[in-house]
C-alpha atoms as a PDB file:
ATOM      1  CA  MET A   1      10.242  10.579 -19.169  1.00  0.00           C
ATOM      2  CA  LYS A   2      10.395   7.472 -17.340  1.00  0.00           C
ATOM      3  CA  ASN A   3       8.641   4.056 -17.910  1.00  0.00           C
ATOM      4  CA  ASN A   4       7.571   2.702 -14.568  1.00  0.00           C
ATOM      5  CA  GLY A   5       6.381  -0.790 -16.420  1.00  0.00           C
ATOM      6  CA  MET A   6       4.393  -3.125 -15.009  1.00  0.00           C
ATOM      7  CA  LEU A   7       5.230  -2.453 -11.524  1.00  0.00           C
ATOM      8  CA  GLY A   8       3.705   0.788 -11.270  1.00  0.00           C
ATOM      9  CA  GLY A   9       0.540  -0.670 -12.066  1.00  0.00           C
ATOM     10  CA  VAL A  10       0.846  -3.264  -9.548  1.00  0.00           C
ATOM     11  CA  TYR A  11       1.774  -0.779  -6.987  1.00  0.00           C
ATOM     12  CA  GLY A  12      -1.400   1.386  -7.989  1.00  0.00           C
ATOM     13  CA  MET A  13      -3.783  -1.518  -7.805  1.00  0.00           C
ATOM     14  CA  ALA A  14      -2.139  -2.425  -4.318  1.00  0.00           C
ATOM     15  CA  PHE A  15      -2.845   1.270  -3.168  1.00  0.00           C
ATOM     16  CA  ILE A  16      -6.069   1.501  -4.325  1.00  0.00           C
ATOM     17  CA  GLY A  17      -7.060  -1.805  -2.776  1.00  0.00           C
ATOM     18  CA  ALA A  18      -5.452  -0.997   0.438  1.00  0.00           C
ATOM     19  CA  LEU A  19      -7.201   2.512   0.483  1.00  0.00           C
ATOM     20  CA  VAL A  20     -10.692   0.706  -0.070  1.00  0.00           C
ATOM     21  CA  TYR A  21     -10.205  -1.655   2.554  1.00  0.00           C
ATOM     22  CA  TYR A  22      -8.947   0.882   5.122  1.00  0.00           C
ATOM     23  CA  LEU A  23     -11.523   3.524   4.565  1.00  0.00           C
ATOM     24  CA  GLN A  24     -14.301   0.857   4.526  1.00  0.00           C
ATOM     25  CA  HIS A  25     -13.265  -0.005   8.019  1.00  0.00           C
ATOM     26  CA  ALA A  26     -12.688   3.322   9.598  1.00  0.00           C
ATOM     27  CA  THR A  27     -15.045   4.246  12.423  1.00  0.00           C
ATOM     28  CA  SER A  28     -13.914   7.934  12.413  1.00  0.00           C
ATOM     29  CA  LEU A  29     -12.440  10.755  10.305  1.00  0.00           C
ATOM     30  CA  TRP A  30      -8.952   9.905  12.166  1.00  0.00           C
ATOM     31  CA  THR A  31      -8.873   6.353  11.432  1.00  0.00           C
ATOM     32  CA  GLY A  32      -9.969   7.327   7.871  1.00  0.00           C
ATOM     33  CA  ILE A  33      -7.121   9.505   7.505  1.00  0.00           C
ATOM     34  CA  LEU A  34      -4.621   7.348   9.142  1.00  0.00           C
ATOM     35  CA  GLY A  35      -6.189   4.480   6.594  1.00  0.00           C
ATOM     36  CA  ILE A  36      -4.750   6.777   3.851  1.00  0.00           C
ATOM     37  CA  PHE A  37      -1.140   6.589   5.159  1.00  0.00           C
ATOM     38  CA  LYS A  38      -1.337   3.008   5.933  1.00  0.00           C
ATOM     39  CA  ALA A  39      -2.572   2.639   2.291  1.00  0.00           C
ATOM     40  CA  LEU A  40       0.623   4.582   0.880  1.00  0.00           C
ATOM     41  CA  PHE A  41       3.000   2.719   2.738  1.00  0.00           C
ATOM     42  CA  TRP A  42       2.204  -0.881   3.178  1.00  0.00           C
ATOM     43  CA  PRO A  43       3.331  -2.320   0.136  1.00  0.00           C
ATOM     44  CA  ALA A  44       6.878  -0.974   0.715  1.00  0.00           C
ATOM     45  CA  VAL A  45       6.978  -2.609   4.271  1.00  0.00           C
ATOM     46  CA  LEU A  46       5.450  -5.928   3.016  1.00  0.00           C
ATOM     47  CA  MET A  47       8.270  -5.985   0.078  1.00  0.00           C
ATOM     48  CA  TYR A  48      11.002  -5.539   2.925  1.00  0.00           C
ATOM     49  CA  ARG A  49       9.773  -8.138   5.205  1.00  0.00           C
ATOM     50  CA  LEU A  50       9.361 -10.524   2.073  1.00  0.00           C
ATOM     51  CA  LEU A  51      12.983  -9.736   1.017  1.00  0.00           C
ATOM     52  CA  GLY A  52      14.055 -10.158   4.799  1.00  0.00           C
ATOM     53  CA  PHE A  53      12.208 -13.505   5.060  1.00  0.00           C
ATOM     54  CA  LEU A  54      13.701 -14.959   1.705  1.00  0.00           C
ATOM     55  CA  LYS A  55      17.319 -13.457   2.654  1.00  0.00           C
ATOM     56  CA  MET A  56      17.636 -11.524  -0.575  1.00  0.00           C
END
């Protein structure tokens, strides 16, 4: 059994926050479905750009 520690919790909180945001701003079923996918992938994109900005 693998222990993800605090990072799993941070990702979970970021996912829930993004999901609530995108679903509240959805005006149709399809924008709601797109919001679910955006909520899954935006933390990874954010970290990629942050590390690229910091040149790590």
